Protein backbone atom coordinates (compact mmCIF):
# COMPACT_ATOMS: atom_id res chain seq x y z
CA UNK A 1 112.89 15.44 79.72
CA UNK A 2 113.06 13.14 76.83
CA UNK A 3 111.31 14.20 73.64
CA UNK A 4 109.04 11.70 71.79
CA UNK A 5 110.79 10.35 68.71
CA UNK A 6 109.49 7.76 66.33
CA UNK A 7 111.09 4.39 67.19
CA UNK A 8 112.07 3.64 63.65
CA UNK A 9 113.93 6.94 63.27
CA UNK A 10 117.65 6.59 62.72
CA UNK A 11 120.24 9.24 63.54
CA UNK A 12 123.46 9.95 61.86
CA UNK A 13 125.48 9.96 65.09
CA UNK A 14 125.23 9.96 68.88
CA UNK A 15 125.45 13.67 69.29
CA UNK A 16 122.58 14.17 67.03
CA UNK A 17 120.60 11.40 68.88
CA UNK A 18 121.22 13.21 72.14
CA UNK A 19 120.26 16.66 70.74
CA UNK A 20 117.06 15.51 69.10
CA UNK A 21 115.75 13.18 71.75
CA UNK A 22 116.74 14.97 74.84
CA UNK A 23 118.27 11.74 76.23
CA UNK A 24 121.12 12.19 78.61
CA UNK A 25 124.75 10.95 78.46
CA UNK A 26 124.37 9.64 82.02
CA UNK A 27 121.30 7.50 81.08
CA UNK A 28 122.87 6.24 77.90
CA UNK A 29 126.11 5.31 79.70
CA UNK A 30 124.34 3.59 82.46
CA UNK A 31 122.25 1.57 80.04
CA UNK A 32 125.07 0.63 77.82
CA UNK A 33 127.56 -0.14 80.68
CA UNK A 34 130.17 2.54 80.51
CA UNK A 35 130.95 5.68 82.47
CA UNK A 36 129.51 9.13 81.54
CA UNK A 37 132.97 10.35 80.98
CA UNK A 38 133.88 7.63 78.58
CA UNK A 39 130.58 8.27 76.64
CA UNK A 40 131.40 12.00 76.56
CA UNK A 41 134.83 11.10 74.88
CA UNK A 42 133.04 8.98 72.34
CA UNK A 43 130.32 11.58 71.51
CA UNK A 44 133.05 14.25 71.03
CA UNK A 45 135.15 12.03 68.77
CA UNK A 46 138.07 11.87 71.11
CA UNK A 47 137.84 8.11 71.30
CA UNK A 48 136.41 5.16 69.38
CA UNK A 49 134.41 2.72 71.49
CA UNK A 50 135.48 -0.99 71.59
CA UNK A 51 133.38 -3.13 69.22
CA UNK A 52 131.03 -4.54 71.98
CA UNK A 53 130.35 -0.99 73.41
CA UNK A 54 130.01 0.39 69.79
CA UNK A 55 127.27 -2.27 69.11
CA UNK A 56 125.36 -1.52 72.32
CA UNK A 57 125.46 2.18 71.61
CA UNK A 58 124.47 1.85 67.99
CA UNK A 59 121.51 -0.36 69.00
CA UNK A 60 120.45 1.98 71.82
CA UNK A 61 120.59 5.20 69.85
CA UNK A 62 119.76 3.87 66.40
CA UNK A 63 122.99 5.14 64.80
CA UNK A 64 125.21 3.31 62.16
CA UNK A 65 128.17 1.49 63.65
CA UNK A 66 130.55 3.33 61.42
CA UNK A 67 129.36 6.75 62.90
CA UNK A 68 131.86 6.44 65.64
CA UNK A 69 134.76 6.12 63.36
CA UNK A 70 133.52 9.06 61.15
CA UNK A 71 133.15 11.37 64.14
CA UNK A 72 136.62 10.42 65.45
CA UNK A 73 138.23 10.97 61.95
CA UNK A 74 136.47 14.24 61.39
CA UNK A 75 137.64 15.47 64.74
CA UNK A 76 141.19 14.48 64.20
CA UNK A 77 141.23 15.79 60.67
CA UNK A 78 140.28 19.21 61.96
CA UNK A 79 142.93 19.01 64.73
CA UNK A 80 145.58 18.07 62.22
CA UNK A 81 144.63 20.97 59.75
CA UNK A 82 144.76 23.47 62.71
CA UNK A 83 148.17 22.15 63.76
CA UNK A 84 149.60 22.59 60.29
CA UNK A 85 148.35 26.20 60.04
CA UNK A 86 149.38 27.14 63.50
CA UNK A 87 152.51 25.23 64.48
CA UNK A 88 153.66 25.33 68.07
CA UNK A 89 155.58 28.46 68.73
CA UNK A 90 158.97 27.52 70.14
CA UNK A 91 160.49 30.18 72.49
CA UNK A 92 163.95 31.26 71.50
CA UNK A 93 166.54 32.19 74.07
């Protein structure tokens, strides 16, 4: 069930919008013309949406356009830092 949220309220990113409004990825994806799987990758920062999709999502969820890039860069900065601390262990014969 969707929570009541002021229409003029803006959110820092899509994940916050979903958490605070109770809207679903399936509903957002259907409304904005992409699959739920694609939206999931965008929300998690795995992918950055194409400009047309980013604009639709930003308008729908009232988030800044640059939030998609910020989430992506934040996720990949963590992954890079983890990889530097824990390099892949190579099996030796």
